[in-house]
Amino acid sequence: MPIVNVTLPGGREIQLDAVAGNTFMRTAVDAATEGIIGECGGAAMCGTCHVLVHPEWLDRLPAMSQNENDMLDCTAAPRQPQSRLGCQLQITHVLDGLQLTLPERQR
């Protein structure tokens, strides 16, 4: 089972056990993770699963779709170069140990 390392708003660090094939957003919502809302249920339509990917992991992620790219311009916390939507990050065994930081706010 892949592990995702998450720094929560405020700086506390947690580890989430993820099921390969699920998205990070689904994993975080199922674990009632502080700082992830996922209002649209994973359709990349709300921006409430905004995450910051640690730079060393960026090249292991799939390419960003145009829809995700557009939605990141509408997030509550300012977009950063390492911003992604958690609903678009499907967890695989290649991503075991993935490091993400959650922005201070999602709305």
Protein backbone atom coordinates (compact mmCIF):
# COMPACT_ATOMS: atom_id res chain seq x y z
CA MET A 1 0.00 0.00 0.00
CA PRO A 2 1.60 3.31 -1.06
CA ILE A 3 2.22 5.94 1.61
CA VAL A 4 1.65 9.65 0.99
CA ASN A 5 3.43 12.11 3.30
CA VAL A 6 1.36 15.25 3.85
CA THR A 7 2.20 18.52 5.55
CA LEU A 8 -1.08 20.00 6.80
CA PRO A 9 -1.94 23.68 7.08
CA GLY A 10 -0.12 24.80 10.20
CA GLY A 11 2.85 22.49 9.60
CA ARG A 12 1.84 19.18 11.20
CA GLU A 13 2.97 16.16 9.17
CA ILE A 14 0.96 12.99 8.66
CA GLN A 15 1.19 9.83 6.58
CA LEU A 16 -1.77 8.45 4.66
CA ASP A 17 -2.08 4.86 3.50
CA ALA A 18 -3.35 5.04 -0.07
CA VAL A 19 -4.96 2.38 -2.19
CA ALA A 20 -3.18 2.16 -5.54
CA GLY A 21 -5.58 3.44 -8.20
CA ASN A 22 -7.35 5.93 -5.93
CA THR A 23 -6.63 9.62 -6.24
CA PHE A 24 -4.95 11.61 -3.52
CA MET A 25 -8.16 13.61 -3.04
CA ARG A 26 -10.21 10.44 -2.44
CA THR A 27 -7.55 9.11 -0.06
CA ALA A 28 -7.47 12.37 1.90
CA VAL A 29 -11.27 12.80 2.05
CA ASP A 30 -11.77 9.17 3.15
CA ALA A 31 -9.24 9.80 5.96
CA ALA A 32 -10.99 13.08 6.94
CA THR A 33 -7.74 14.94 6.33
CA GLU A 34 -7.73 18.56 7.50
CA GLY A 35 -7.26 20.91 4.57
CA ILE A 36 -8.79 18.86 1.74
CA ILE A 37 -12.43 19.40 0.83
CA GLY A 38 -13.01 17.87 -2.61
CA GLU A 39 -16.38 19.55 -3.17
CA CYS A 40 -16.82 18.38 -6.77
CA GLY A 41 -16.00 14.76 -5.96
CA GLY A 42 -12.99 14.57 -8.24
CA ALA A 43 -14.14 16.22 -11.46
CA ALA A 44 -11.46 18.96 -11.40
CA MET A 45 -14.20 21.57 -11.21
CA CYS A 46 -13.80 23.21 -7.79
CA GLY A 47 -10.13 23.56 -6.84
CA THR A 48 -10.76 22.48 -3.22
CA CYS A 49 -8.15 19.72 -3.36
CA HIS A 50 -5.24 22.02 -4.25
CA VAL A 51 -1.90 20.53 -3.20
CA LEU A 52 1.73 21.58 -3.49
CA VAL A 53 3.95 18.76 -4.71
CA HIS A 54 7.48 18.69 -3.36
CA PRO A 55 9.77 19.48 -6.31
CA GLU A 56 11.58 16.12 -6.35
CA TRP A 57 8.25 14.39 -7.13
CA LEU A 58 7.03 16.61 -9.97
CA ASP A 59 8.64 14.64 -12.79
CA ARG A 60 7.04 11.39 -11.57
CA LEU A 61 3.51 12.73 -11.99
CA PRO A 62 1.40 12.48 -15.14
CA ALA A 63 1.14 15.55 -17.33
CA MET A 64 -1.40 18.15 -16.28
CA SER A 65 -4.57 18.38 -18.38
CA GLN A 66 -5.73 21.73 -19.72
CA ASN A 67 -8.77 21.53 -17.43
CA GLU A 68 -6.59 21.05 -14.35
CA ASN A 69 -4.29 23.85 -15.47
CA ASP A 70 -7.24 26.23 -15.89
CA MET A 71 -8.77 25.27 -12.52
CA LEU A 72 -5.49 25.94 -10.70
CA ASP A 73 -5.88 29.60 -11.67
CA CYS A 74 -9.06 29.67 -9.55
CA THR A 75 -7.85 28.18 -6.27
CA ALA A 76 -8.32 30.02 -2.96
CA ALA A 77 -4.61 29.90 -2.13
CA PRO A 78 -2.32 31.34 -4.79
CA ARG A 79 -1.13 28.94 -7.44
CA GLN A 80 2.54 27.94 -7.20
CA PRO A 81 4.82 26.26 -9.77
CA GLN A 82 4.35 22.94 -7.91
CA SER A 83 0.53 23.24 -7.62
CA ARG A 84 -1.66 20.34 -8.67
CA LEU A 85 -5.21 19.19 -7.95
CA GLY A 86 -5.29 16.18 -5.67
CA CYS A 87 -8.22 14.72 -7.61
CA GLN A 88 -5.98 14.43 -10.65
CA LEU A 89 -3.15 12.60 -8.87
CA GLN A 90 -3.82 8.89 -9.16
CA ILE A 91 -1.73 7.06 -6.59
CA THR A 92 0.44 4.25 -7.91
CA HIS A 93 3.24 2.22 -6.36
CA VAL A 94 5.69 4.51 -8.22
CA LEU A 95 4.38 7.33 -5.99
CA ASP A 96 5.02 5.47 -2.72
CA GLY A 97 6.47 8.13 -0.40
CA LEU A 98 4.97 11.07 -2.33
CA GLN A 99 5.37 14.34 -0.42
CA LEU A 100 2.63 16.96 -0.57
CA THR A 101 1.92 20.18 1.30
CA LEU A 102 -1.61 21.51 1.70
CA PRO A 103 -2.15 25.25 1.26
CA GLU A 104 -3.48 27.34 4.14
CA ARG A 105 -6.98 27.43 2.67
CA GLN A 106 -9.12 25.72 0.04
CA ARG A 107 -12.03 28.21 -0.01
